[in-house]
C-alpha atoms as a PDB file:
ATOM      1  CA  MET A   1       5.407   2.382   8.192  1.00  0.00           C
ATOM      2  CA  GLU A   2       6.770   4.908  10.659  1.00  0.00           C
ATOM      3  CA  SER A   3       9.961   2.890  10.989  1.00  0.00           C
ATOM      4  CA  GLY A   4      10.861   3.453   7.355  1.00  0.00           C
ATOM      5  CA  ASP A   5      12.053  -0.160   7.191  1.00  0.00           C
ATOM      6  CA  ALA A   6      10.582  -1.640   3.996  1.00  0.00           C
ATOM      7  CA  GLN A   7      11.503  -5.191   4.959  1.00  0.00           C
ATOM      8  CA  LEU A   8       9.723  -4.828   8.287  1.00  0.00           C
ATOM      9  CA  VAL A   9       6.584  -3.616   6.525  1.00  0.00           C
ATOM     10  CA  ALA A  10       6.750  -6.504   4.034  1.00  0.00           C
ATOM     11  CA  HIS A  11       7.207  -8.970   6.882  1.00  0.00           C
ATOM     12  CA  ALA A  12       4.256  -7.488   8.800  1.00  0.00           C
ATOM     13  CA  LEU A  13       2.069  -7.869   5.704  1.00  0.00           C
ATOM     14  CA  GLY A  14       3.250 -11.480   5.448  1.00  0.00           C
ATOM     15  CA  VAL A  15       2.267 -12.142   9.051  1.00  0.00           C
ATOM     16  CA  ALA A  16      -1.188 -10.662   8.414  1.00  0.00           C
ATOM     17  CA  ALA A  17      -1.570 -12.621   5.169  1.00  0.00           C
ATOM     18  CA  ARG A  18      -0.608 -15.913   6.847  1.00  0.00           C
ATOM     19  CA  ALA A  19      -3.018 -15.199   9.704  1.00  0.00           C
ATOM     20  CA  LYS A  20      -5.868 -14.667   7.243  1.00  0.00           C
ATOM     21  CA  SER A  21      -4.838 -17.556   4.921  1.00  0.00           C
ATOM     22  CA  MET A  22      -2.130 -17.155   2.337  1.00  0.00           C
ATOM     23  CA  SER A  23      -4.199 -19.234  -0.111  1.00  0.00           C
ATOM     24  CA  GLU A  24      -7.113 -16.812   0.214  1.00  0.00           C
ATOM     25  CA  ILE A  25      -4.826 -13.783  -0.165  1.00  0.00           C
ATOM     26  CA  ALA A  26      -3.245 -15.364  -3.248  1.00  0.00           C
ATOM     27  CA  ARG A  27      -6.654 -16.000  -4.789  1.00  0.00           C
ATOM     28  CA  LYS A  28      -7.927 -12.481  -4.038  1.00  0.00           C
ATOM     29  CA  SER A  29      -4.720 -10.775  -5.190  1.00  0.00           C
ATOM     30  CA  GLY A  30      -4.174 -12.875  -8.306  1.00  0.00           C
ATOM     31  CA  LEU A  31      -0.642 -13.743  -7.185  1.00  0.00           C
ATOM     32  CA  SER A  32       0.779 -17.185  -6.489  1.00  0.00           C
ATOM     33  CA  ARG A  33       1.110 -18.408  -2.925  1.00  0.00           C
ATOM     34  CA  GLU A  34       4.778 -19.154  -3.480  1.00  0.00           C
ATOM     35  CA  SER A  35       5.594 -15.659  -4.718  1.00  0.00           C
ATOM     36  CA  LEU A  36       3.680 -14.143  -1.796  1.00  0.00           C
ATOM     37  CA  TYR A  37       5.590 -16.238   0.728  1.00  0.00           C
ATOM     38  CA  ARG A  38       8.860 -15.206  -0.936  1.00  0.00           C
ATOM     39  CA  SER A  39       7.958 -11.507  -1.285  1.00  0.00           C
ATOM     40  CA  LEU A  40       6.527 -11.161   2.203  1.00  0.00           C
ATOM     41  CA  SER A  41       9.311 -12.973   4.035  1.00  0.00           C
ATOM     42  CA  PRO A  42      11.630 -11.044   6.380  1.00  0.00           C
ATOM     43  CA  THR A  43      14.160 -10.810   3.534  1.00  0.00           C
ATOM     44  CA  GLY A  44      11.602 -10.240   0.772  1.00  0.00           C
ATOM     45  CA  ARG A  45      11.458  -7.104  -1.334  1.00  0.00           C
ATOM     46  CA  PRO A  46       7.962  -6.977  -2.831  1.00  0.00           C
ATOM     47  CA  GLU A  47       7.129  -4.587  -5.622  1.00  0.00           C
ATOM     48  CA  PHE A  48       4.779  -1.762  -4.723  1.00  0.00           C
ATOM     49  CA  GLY A  49       2.061  -3.371  -6.851  1.00  0.00           C
ATOM     50  CA  THR A  50       2.352  -6.549  -4.780  1.00  0.00           C
ATOM     51  CA  VAL A  51       2.009  -4.571  -1.557  1.00  0.00           C
ATOM     52  CA  LEU A  52      -1.114  -2.850  -2.902  1.00  0.00           C
ATOM     53  CA  SER A  53      -2.593  -6.173  -4.056  1.00  0.00           C
ATOM     54  CA  VAL A  54      -2.005  -7.762  -0.662  1.00  0.00           C
ATOM     55  CA  LEU A  55      -3.450  -4.754   1.175  1.00  0.00           C
ATOM     56  CA  ASN A  56      -6.521  -4.919  -1.047  1.00  0.00           C
ATOM     57  CA  ALA A  57      -6.869  -8.681  -0.487  1.00  0.00           C
ATOM     58  CA  LEU A  58      -6.677  -8.053   3.269  1.00  0.00           C
ATOM     59  CA  ASP A  59      -9.397  -5.406   2.919  1.00  0.00           C
ATOM     60  CA  LEU A  60      -6.914  -2.767   4.048  1.00  0.00           C
ATOM     61  CA  GLY A  61      -6.120   0.582   2.500  1.00  0.00           C
ATOM     62  CA  LEU A  62      -3.116   2.808   2.287  1.00  0.00           C
ATOM     63  CA  SER A  63      -3.310   6.490   3.097  1.00  0.00           C
ATOM     64  CA  VAL A  64      -0.697   9.196   3.041  1.00  0.00           C
ATOM     65  CA  LYS A  65      -0.528  12.162   5.390  1.00  0.00           C
ATOM     66  CA  PRO A  66       2.049  14.799   6.195  1.00  0.00           C
ATOM     67  CA  ARG A  67       4.425  14.040   9.007  1.00  0.00           C
ATOM     68  CA  ALA A  68       3.649  15.572  12.368  1.00  0.00           C
ATOM     69  CA  LEU A  69       4.145  19.315  12.555  1.00  0.00           C
ATOM     70  CA  VAL A  70       6.323  18.850  15.615  1.00  0.00           C
ATOM     71  CA  LYS A  71       8.961  17.116  13.494  1.00  0.00           C
ATOM     72  CA  ASN A  72       8.743  19.760  10.781  1.00  0.00           C
ATOM     73  CA  SER A  73       8.937  22.652  13.226  1.00  0.00           C
ATOM     74  CA  ALA A  74      11.964  21.053  14.898  1.00  0.00           C
ATOM     75  CA  ARG A  75      13.684  20.854  11.511  1.00  0.00           C
ATOM     76  CA  ALA A  76      12.751  24.436  10.704  1.00  0.00           C
ATOM     77  CA  SER A  77      14.051  25.591  14.068  1.00  0.00           C
ATOM     78  CA  SER A  78      17.301  23.710  13.502  1.00  0.00           C
ATOM     79  CA  ALA A  79      17.640  25.196  10.012  1.00  0.00           C
ATOM     80  CA  LYS A  80      17.098  28.714  11.393  1.00  0.00           C
ATOM     81  CA  LYS A  81      19.821  28.169  13.993  1.00  0.00           C
ATOM     82  CA  LYS A  82      22.220  27.027  11.286  1.00  0.00           C
ATOM     83  CA  LYS A  83      21.433  30.068   9.155  1.00  0.00           C
ATOM     84  CA  VAL A  84      22.085  32.378  12.088  1.00  0.00           C
ATOM     85  CA  ALA A  85      25.385  30.685  12.860  1.00  0.00           C
ATOM     86  CA  VAL A  86      26.657  31.038   9.272  1.00  0.00           C
END
């Protein structure tokens, strides 16, 4: 998820789902195998609900945390420099 590339994340979920068994993931998620293959392909654009269903079927969770303070402090430092220069 760090990459920010939604298609890469969808593809990675597809790889994990195929490794586990797309039929099993379809059964557990309540989605069709065909729609999962399509959504989780490298060019797929799954809805957020599909992503959550697949994560749940894979016995995975999703958690959210703030970005590293180093990144935030670098932005703050950059913003301060810009304010001083103005």
